[in-house]
């Protein structure tokens, strides 16, 4: 599952590939599919929308977008 502390995951703002989930993930259990994909790619970091941060599924340092981290990755998928 996605770590709850900042030091347990790579920096979202410095990632070359970001796989981001949002409100459609419904609950924290569905984030496992994003983590699995990120692991298979190897150089990817999982990000999240405000909805997932507010729901407590991920820490706020994984939030990408207007209210979160600026992401300048080579590939961003949501």
PDB file of N, CA and C in Angstrom:
ATOM      1  N   UNK A   1       0.831  -1.183   0.000  1.00  0.00           N
ATOM      2  CA  UNK A   1       0.000   0.000   0.000  1.00  0.00           C
ATOM      3  C   UNK A   1       0.878   1.249   0.000  1.00  0.00           C
ATOM      4  N   UNK A   2       0.348   2.346  -0.396  1.00  0.00           N
ATOM      5  CA  UNK A   2       1.104   3.593  -0.463  1.00  0.00           C
ATOM      6  C   UNK A   2       1.522   4.010   0.945  1.00  0.00           C
ATOM      7  N   UNK A   3       2.810   4.339   1.127  1.00  0.00           N
ATOM      8  CA  UNK A   3       3.303   4.740   2.441  1.00  0.00           C
ATOM      9  C   UNK A   3       2.624   6.001   2.958  1.00  0.00           C
ATOM     10  N   UNK A   4       2.494   6.078   4.260  1.00  0.00           N
ATOM     11  CA  UNK A   4       1.845   7.232   4.882  1.00  0.00           C
ATOM     12  C   UNK A   4       2.827   8.330   5.265  1.00  0.00           C
ATOM     13  N   UNK A   5       4.134   8.054   5.226  1.00  0.00           N
ATOM     14  CA  UNK A   5       5.093   9.087   5.604  1.00  0.00           C
ATOM     15  C   UNK A   5       5.893   9.558   4.401  1.00  0.00           C
ATOM     16  N   UNK A   6       6.303  10.806   4.441  1.00  0.00           N
ATOM     17  CA  UNK A   6       7.027  11.425   3.333  1.00  0.00           C
ATOM     18  C   UNK A   6       8.297  10.673   2.959  1.00  0.00           C
ATOM     19  N   UNK A   7       9.038  10.214   3.936  1.00  0.00           N
ATOM     20  CA  UNK A   7      10.348   9.631   3.668  1.00  0.00           C
ATOM     21  C   UNK A   7      10.273   8.243   3.040  1.00  0.00           C
ATOM     22  N   UNK A   8       9.091   7.657   2.961  1.00  0.00           N
ATOM     23  CA  UNK A   8       8.944   6.295   2.450  1.00  0.00           C
ATOM     24  C   UNK A   8       8.722   6.209   0.947  1.00  0.00           C
ATOM     25  N   UNK A   9       8.669   7.315   0.245  1.00  0.00           N
ATOM     26  CA  UNK A   9       8.422   7.272  -1.189  1.00  0.00           C
ATOM     27  C   UNK A   9       9.204   8.356  -1.913  1.00  0.00           C
ATOM     28  N   UNK A  10       9.427   8.166  -3.210  1.00  0.00           N
ATOM     29  CA  UNK A  10      10.183   9.160  -3.991  1.00  0.00           C
ATOM     30  C   UNK A  10       9.448  10.494  -4.096  1.00  0.00           C
ATOM     31  N   UNK A  11      10.194  11.531  -4.406  1.00  0.00           N
ATOM     32  CA  UNK A  11       9.630  12.870  -4.552  1.00  0.00           C
ATOM     33  C   UNK A  11       8.800  12.967  -5.825  1.00  0.00           C
ATOM     34  N   UNK A  12       7.548  13.301  -5.678  1.00  0.00           N
ATOM     35  CA  UNK A  12       6.629  13.415  -6.804  1.00  0.00           C
ATOM     36  C   UNK A  12       7.071  14.496  -7.793  1.00  0.00           C
ATOM     37  N   UNK A  13       7.573  15.600  -7.299  1.00  0.00           N
ATOM     38  CA  UNK A  13       7.977  16.698  -8.153  1.00  0.00           C
ATOM     39  C   UNK A  13       9.194  16.405  -9.013  1.00  0.00           C
ATOM     40  N   UNK A  14       9.998  15.426  -8.621  1.00  0.00           N
ATOM     41  CA  UNK A  14      11.217  15.090  -9.362  1.00  0.00           C
ATOM     42  C   UNK A  14      11.061  13.831 -10.221  1.00  0.00           C
ATOM     43  N   UNK A  15       9.903  13.215 -10.187  1.00  0.00           N
ATOM     44  CA  UNK A  15       9.682  11.955 -10.906  1.00  0.00           C
ATOM     45  C   UNK A  15       9.609  12.163 -12.411  1.00  0.00           C
ATOM     46  N   UNK A  16      10.166  11.218 -13.163  1.00  0.00           N
ATOM     47  CA  UNK A  16      10.082  11.308 -14.625  1.00  0.00           C
ATOM     48  C   UNK A  16       8.780  10.709 -15.146  1.00  0.00           C
ATOM     49  N   UNK A  17       8.190   9.794 -14.371  1.00  0.00           N
ATOM     50  CA  UNK A  17       6.902   9.188 -14.737  1.00  0.00           C
ATOM     51  C   UNK A  17       5.986   9.232 -13.522  1.00  0.00           C
ATOM     52  N   UNK A  18       4.791   9.794 -13.695  1.00  0.00           N
ATOM     53  CA  UNK A  18       3.813   9.876 -12.610  1.00  0.00           C
ATOM     54  C   UNK A  18       2.537   9.175 -13.048  1.00  0.00           C
ATOM     55  N   UNK A  19       2.075   8.261 -12.204  1.00  0.00           N
ATOM     56  CA  UNK A  19       0.797   7.573 -12.412  1.00  0.00           C
ATOM     57  C   UNK A  19      -0.110   8.052 -11.286  1.00  0.00           C
ATOM     58  N   UNK A  20      -1.127   8.805 -11.639  1.00  0.00           N
ATOM     59  CA  UNK A  20      -1.942   9.457 -10.632  1.00  0.00           C
ATOM     60  C   UNK A  20      -3.360   8.912 -10.602  1.00  0.00           C
ATOM     61  N   UNK A  21      -3.900   8.812  -9.407  1.00  0.00           N
ATOM     62  CA  UNK A  21      -5.276   8.363  -9.226  1.00  0.00           C
ATOM     63  C   UNK A  21      -6.119   9.478  -8.650  1.00  0.00           C
ATOM     64  N   UNK A  22      -7.408   9.377  -8.862  1.00  0.00           N
ATOM     65  CA  UNK A  22      -8.311  10.403  -8.364  1.00  0.00           C
ATOM     66  C   UNK A  22      -9.569   9.823  -7.770  1.00  0.00           C
ATOM     67  N   UNK A  23     -10.605  10.615  -7.781  1.00  0.00           N
ATOM     68  CA  UNK A  23     -11.890  10.261  -7.174  1.00  0.00           C
ATOM     69  C   UNK A  23     -12.423   8.920  -7.672  1.00  0.00           C
ATOM     70  N   UNK A  24     -12.158   8.583  -8.919  1.00  0.00           N
ATOM     71  CA  UNK A  24     -12.638   7.327  -9.495  1.00  0.00           C
ATOM     72  C   UNK A  24     -12.058   6.080  -8.863  1.00  0.00           C
ATOM     73  N   UNK A  25     -11.011   6.220  -8.067  1.00  0.00           N
ATOM     74  CA  UNK A  25     -10.415   5.061  -7.398  1.00  0.00           C
ATOM     75  C   UNK A  25     -11.353   4.522  -6.305  1.00  0.00           C
ATOM     76  N   UNK A  26     -12.310   5.316  -5.879  1.00  0.00           N
ATOM     77  CA  UNK A  26     -13.351   4.961  -4.905  1.00  0.00           C
ATOM     78  C   UNK A  26     -12.827   4.744  -3.483  1.00  0.00           C
ATOM     79  N   UNK A  27     -11.771   3.953  -3.321  1.00  0.00           N
ATOM     80  CA  UNK A  27     -11.225   3.723  -1.979  1.00  0.00           C
ATOM     81  C   UNK A  27      -9.754   3.360  -2.076  1.00  0.00           C
ATOM     82  N   UNK A  28      -9.099   3.310  -0.947  1.00  0.00           N
ATOM     83  CA  UNK A  28      -7.671   3.053  -0.901  1.00  0.00           C
ATOM     84  C   UNK A  28      -7.250   1.709  -1.448  1.00  0.00           C
ATOM     85  N   UNK A  29      -8.136   0.727  -1.418  1.00  0.00           N
ATOM     86  CA  UNK A  29      -7.799  -0.613  -1.904  1.00  0.00           C
ATOM     87  C   UNK A  29      -7.488  -0.615  -3.400  1.00  0.00           C
ATOM     88  N   UNK A  30      -8.119   0.255  -4.157  1.00  0.00           N
ATOM     89  CA  UNK A  30      -7.899   0.302  -5.604  1.00  0.00           C
ATOM     90  C   UNK A  30      -6.559   0.922  -5.983  1.00  0.00           C
ATOM     91  N   UNK A  31      -5.917   1.586  -5.045  1.00  0.00           N
ATOM     92  CA  UNK A  31      -4.612   2.188  -5.325  1.00  0.00           C
ATOM     93  C   UNK A  31      -3.537   1.131  -5.563  1.00  0.00           C
ATOM     94  N   UNK A  32      -3.785  -0.079  -5.120  1.00  0.00           N
ATOM     95  CA  UNK A  32      -2.827  -1.157  -5.318  1.00  0.00           C
ATOM     96  C   UNK A  32      -2.547  -1.366  -6.805  1.00  0.00           C
ATOM     97  N   UNK A  33      -3.553  -1.197  -7.659  1.00  0.00           N
ATOM     98  CA  UNK A  33      -3.342  -1.369  -9.102  1.00  0.00           C
ATOM     99  C   UNK A  33      -2.384  -0.305  -9.645  1.00  0.00           C
ATOM    100  N   UNK A  34      -2.456   0.915  -9.114  1.00  0.00           N
ATOM    101  CA  UNK A  34      -1.522   1.969  -9.534  1.00  0.00           C
ATOM    102  C   UNK A  34      -0.106   1.662  -9.056  1.00  0.00           C
ATOM    103  N   UNK A  35      -0.003   1.169  -7.830  1.00  0.00           N
ATOM    104  CA  UNK A  35       1.305   0.810  -7.287  1.00  0.00           C
ATOM    105  C   UNK A  35       1.936  -0.322  -8.082  1.00  0.00           C
ATOM    106  N   UNK A  36       1.128  -1.302  -8.460  1.00  0.00           N
ATOM    107  CA  UNK A  36       1.620  -2.438  -9.241  1.00  0.00           C
ATOM    108  C   UNK A  36       2.136  -1.973 -10.596  1.00  0.00           C
ATOM    109  N   UNK A  37       1.393  -1.105 -11.243  1.00  0.00           N
ATOM    110  CA  UNK A  37       1.823  -0.559 -12.527  1.00  0.00           C
ATOM    111  C   UNK A  37       3.121   0.229 -12.377  1.00  0.00           C
ATOM    112  N   UNK A  38       3.204   1.058 -11.348  1.00  0.00           N
ATOM    113  CA  UNK A  38       4.412   1.849 -11.113  1.00  0.00           C
ATOM    114  C   UNK A  38       5.626   0.948 -10.882  1.00  0.00           C
ATOM    115  N   UNK A  39       5.434  -0.140 -10.156  1.00  0.00           N
ATOM    116  CA  UNK A  39       6.529  -1.083  -9.913  1.00  0.00           C
ATOM    117  C   UNK A  39       6.964  -1.767 -11.202  1.00  0.00           C
ATOM    118  N   UNK A  40       6.010  -2.129 -12.041  1.00  0.00           N
ATOM    119  CA  UNK A  40       6.343  -2.799 -13.309  1.00  0.00           C
ATOM    120  C   UNK A  40       7.095  -1.865 -14.256  1.00  0.00           C
ATOM    121  N   UNK A  41       6.727  -0.590 -14.248  1.00  0.00           N
ATOM    122  CA  UNK A  41       7.431   0.387 -15.073  1.00  0.00           C
ATOM    123  C   UNK A  41       8.836   0.601 -14.513  1.00  0.00           C
ATOM    124  N   UNK A  42       8.944   0.621 -13.207  1.00  0.00           N
ATOM    125  CA  UNK A  42      10.235   0.711 -12.553  1.00  0.00           C
ATOM    126  C   UNK A  42      10.678   2.102 -12.157  1.00  0.00           C
ATOM    127  N   UNK A  43      10.385   3.091 -12.953  1.00  0.00           N
ATOM    128  CA  UNK A  43      10.842   4.450 -12.675  1.00  0.00           C
ATOM    129  C   UNK A  43       9.656   5.380 -12.433  1.00  0.00           C
ATOM    130  N   UNK A  44       8.529   4.817 -12.067  1.00  0.00           N
ATOM    131  CA  UNK A  44       7.307   5.606 -11.909  1.00  0.00           C
ATOM    132  C   UNK A  44       6.985   5.855 -10.434  1.00  0.00           C
ATOM    133  N   UNK A  45       6.301   6.970 -10.198  1.00  0.00           N
ATOM    134  CA  UNK A  45       5.856   7.346  -8.863  1.00  0.00           C
ATOM    135  C   UNK A  45       4.345   7.502  -8.904  1.00  0.00           C
ATOM    136  N   UNK A  46       3.669   7.049  -7.851  1.00  0.00           N
ATOM    137  CA  UNK A  46       2.222   7.192  -7.769  1.00  0.00           C
ATOM    138  C   UNK A  46       1.887   8.549  -7.164  1.00  0.00           C
ATOM    139  N   UNK A  47       0.993   9.262  -7.830  1.00  0.00           N
ATOM    140  CA  UNK A  47       0.495  10.540  -7.340  1.00  0.00           C
ATOM    141  C   UNK A  47      -1.000  10.423  -7.073  1.00  0.00           C
ATOM    142  N   UNK A  48      -1.603  11.498  -6.589  1.00  0.00           N
ATOM    143  CA  UNK A  48      -3.024  11.452  -6.249  1.00  0.00           C
ATOM    144  C   UNK A  48      -3.665  12.824  -6.388  1.00  0.00           C
ATOM    145  N   UNK A  49      -4.973  12.802  -6.480  1.00  0.00           N
ATOM    146  CA  UNK A  49      -5.747  14.043  -6.539  1.00  0.00           C
ATOM    147  C   UNK A  49      -6.098  14.502  -5.124  1.00  0.00           C
ATOM    148  N   UNK A  50      -6.627  15.699  -5.035  1.00  0.00           N
ATOM    149  CA  UNK A  50      -7.080  16.242  -3.753  1.00  0.00           C
ATOM    150  C   UNK A  50      -8.103  15.330  -3.096  1.00  0.00           C
ATOM    151  N   UNK A  51      -8.986  14.726  -3.890  1.00  0.00           N
ATOM    152  CA  UNK A  51     -10.026  13.854  -3.330  1.00  0.00           C
ATOM    153  C   UNK A  51      -9.426  12.692  -2.538  1.00  0.00           C
ATOM    154  N   UNK A  52      -8.361  12.083  -3.053  1.00  0.00           N
ATOM    155  CA  UNK A  52      -7.732  10.958  -2.352  1.00  0.00           C
ATOM    156  C   UNK A  52      -6.978  11.418  -1.115  1.00  0.00           C
ATOM    157  N   UNK A  53      -6.380  12.594  -1.190  1.00  0.00           N
ATOM    158  CA  UNK A  53      -5.684  13.142  -0.022  1.00  0.00           C
ATOM    159  C   UNK A  53      -6.696  13.474   1.065  1.00  0.00           C
ATOM    160  N   UNK A  54      -7.773  14.157   0.700  1.00  0.00           N
ATOM    161  CA  UNK A  54      -8.801  14.531   1.673  1.00  0.00           C
ATOM    162  C   UNK A  54      -9.456  13.311   2.315  1.00  0.00           C
ATOM    163  N   UNK A  55      -9.556  12.214   1.554  1.00  0.00           N
ATOM    164  CA  UNK A  55     -10.154  10.991   2.088  1.00  0.00           C
ATOM    165  C   UNK A  55      -9.183  10.231   2.992  1.00  0.00           C
ATOM    166  N   UNK A  56      -7.911  10.666   3.013  1.00  0.00           N
ATOM    167  CA  UNK A  56      -6.930  10.023   3.876  1.00  0.00           C
ATOM    168  C   UNK A  56      -6.276   8.790   3.288  1.00  0.00           C
ATOM    169  N   UNK A  57      -6.451   8.561   1.979  1.00  0.00           N
ATOM    170  CA  UNK A  57      -5.877   7.376   1.347  1.00  0.00           C
ATOM    171  C   UNK A  57      -4.385   7.524   1.091  1.00  0.00           C
ATOM    172  N   UNK A  58      -3.924   8.758   0.897  1.00  0.00           N
ATOM    173  CA  UNK A  58      -2.509   9.026   0.634  1.00  0.00           C
ATOM    174  C   UNK A  58      -2.094  10.296   1.380  1.00  0.00           C
ATOM    175  N   UNK A  59      -0.793  10.441   1.685  1.00  0.00           N
ATOM    176  CA  UNK A  59      -0.333  11.670   2.330  1.00  0.00           C
ATOM    177  C   UNK A  59      -0.371  12.839   1.344  1.00  0.00           C
ATOM    178  N   UNK A  60      -0.475  14.057   1.868  1.00  0.00           N
ATOM    179  CA  UNK A  60      -0.646  15.213   0.979  1.00  0.00           C
ATOM    180  C   UNK A  60       0.573  15.520   0.119  1.00  0.00           C
ATOM    181  N   UNK A  61       1.746  14.971   0.430  1.00  0.00           N
ATOM    182  CA  UNK A  61       2.893  15.227  -0.434  1.00  0.00           C
ATOM    183  C   UNK A  61       2.832  14.410  -1.725  1.00  0.00           C
ATOM    184  N   UNK A  62       1.828  13.538  -1.859  1.00  0.00           N
ATOM    185  CA  UNK A  62       1.614  12.807  -3.112  1.00  0.00           C
ATOM    186  C   UNK A  62       0.560  13.481  -3.987  1.00  0.00           C
ATOM    187  N   UNK A  63       0.033  14.602  -3.522  1.00  0.00           N
ATOM    188  CA  UNK A  63      -0.994  15.300  -4.296  1.00  0.00           C
ATOM    189  C   UNK A  63      -0.364  16.090  -5.434  1.00  0.00           C
ATOM    190  N   UNK A  64      -0.821  15.815  -6.632  1.00  0.00           N
ATOM    191  CA  UNK A  64      -0.343  16.523  -7.822  1.00  0.00           C
ATOM    192  C   UNK A  64      -1.410  17.506  -8.271  1.00  0.00           C
ATOM    193  N   UNK A  65      -0.986  18.633  -8.799  1.00  0.00           N
ATOM    194  CA  UNK A  65      -1.949  19.562  -9.373  1.00  0.00           C
ATOM    195  C   UNK A  65      -1.965  20.918  -8.724  1.00  0.00           C
ATOM    196  N   UNK A  66      -3.020  21.623  -8.959  1.00  0.00           N
ATOM    197  CA  UNK A  66      -3.145  23.018  -8.576  1.00  0.00           C
ATOM    198  C   UNK A  66      -2.915  23.253  -7.080  1.00  0.00           C
ATOM    199  N   UNK A  67      -3.431  22.395  -6.246  1.00  0.00           N
ATOM    200  CA  UNK A  67      -3.290  22.558  -4.799  1.00  0.00           C
ATOM    201  C   UNK A  67      -2.154  21.706  -4.234  1.00  0.00           C
ATOM    202  N   UNK A  68      -1.508  20.910  -5.080  1.00  0.00           N
ATOM    203  CA  UNK A  68      -0.447  20.019  -4.624  1.00  0.00           C
ATOM    204  C   UNK A  68       0.885  20.352  -5.260  1.00  0.00           C
ATOM    205  N   UNK A  69       1.668  19.324  -5.493  1.00  0.00           N
ATOM    206  CA  UNK A  69       2.996  19.484  -6.087  1.00  0.00           C
ATOM    207  C   UNK A  69       2.904  19.793  -7.568  1.00  0.00           C
ATOM    208  N   UNK A  70       3.805  20.631  -8.024  1.00  0.00           N
ATOM    209  CA  UNK A  70       3.940  20.888  -9.461  1.00  0.00           C
ATOM    210  C   UNK A  70       4.679  19.692 -10.040  1.00  0.00           C
ATOM    211  N   UNK A  71       4.111  19.100 -11.065  1.00  0.00           N
ATOM    212  CA  UNK A  71       4.698  17.923 -11.687  1.00  0.00           C
ATOM    213  C   UNK A  71       5.170  18.288 -13.084  1.00  0.00           C
ATOM    214  N   UNK A  72       6.438  18.015 -13.354  1.00  0.00           N
ATOM    215  CA  UNK A  72       6.997  18.295 -14.676  1.00  0.00           C
ATOM    216  C   UNK A  72       7.632  17.014 -15.225  1.00  0.00           C
ATOM    217  N   UNK A  73       6.884  15.941 -15.168  1.00  0.00           N
ATOM    218  CA  UNK A  73       7.384  14.640 -15.572  1.00  0.00           C
ATOM    219  C   UNK A  73       7.404  14.506 -17.098  1.00  0.00           C
ATOM    220  N   UNK A  74       8.139  13.511 -17.563  1.00  0.00           N
ATOM    221  CA  UNK A  74       8.149  13.200 -19.003  1.00  0.00           C
ATOM    222  C   UNK A  74       6.835  12.546 -19.420  1.00  0.00           C
ATOM    223  N   UNK A  75       6.223  11.808 -18.492  1.00  0.00           N
ATOM    224  CA  UNK A  75       4.952  11.128 -18.739  1.00  0.00           C
ATOM    225  C   UNK A  75       4.077  11.249 -17.509  1.00  0.00           C
ATOM    226  N   UNK A  76       2.844  11.706 -17.695  1.00  0.00           N
ATOM    227  CA  UNK A  76       1.877  11.817 -16.602  1.00  0.00           C
ATOM    228  C   UNK A  76       0.602  11.142 -17.066  1.00  0.00           C
ATOM    229  N   UNK A  77       0.135  10.181 -16.293  1.00  0.00           N
ATOM    230  CA  UNK A  77      -1.129   9.533 -16.622  1.00  0.00           C
ATOM    231  C   UNK A  77      -2.022   9.536 -15.400  1.00  0.00           C
ATOM    232  N   UNK A  78      -3.300   9.748 -15.633  1.00  0.00           N
ATOM    233  CA  UNK A  78      -4.251   9.798 -14.519  1.00  0.00           C
ATOM    234  C   UNK A  78      -5.456   8.946 -14.838  1.00  0.00           C
TER     235      UNK A  78
END
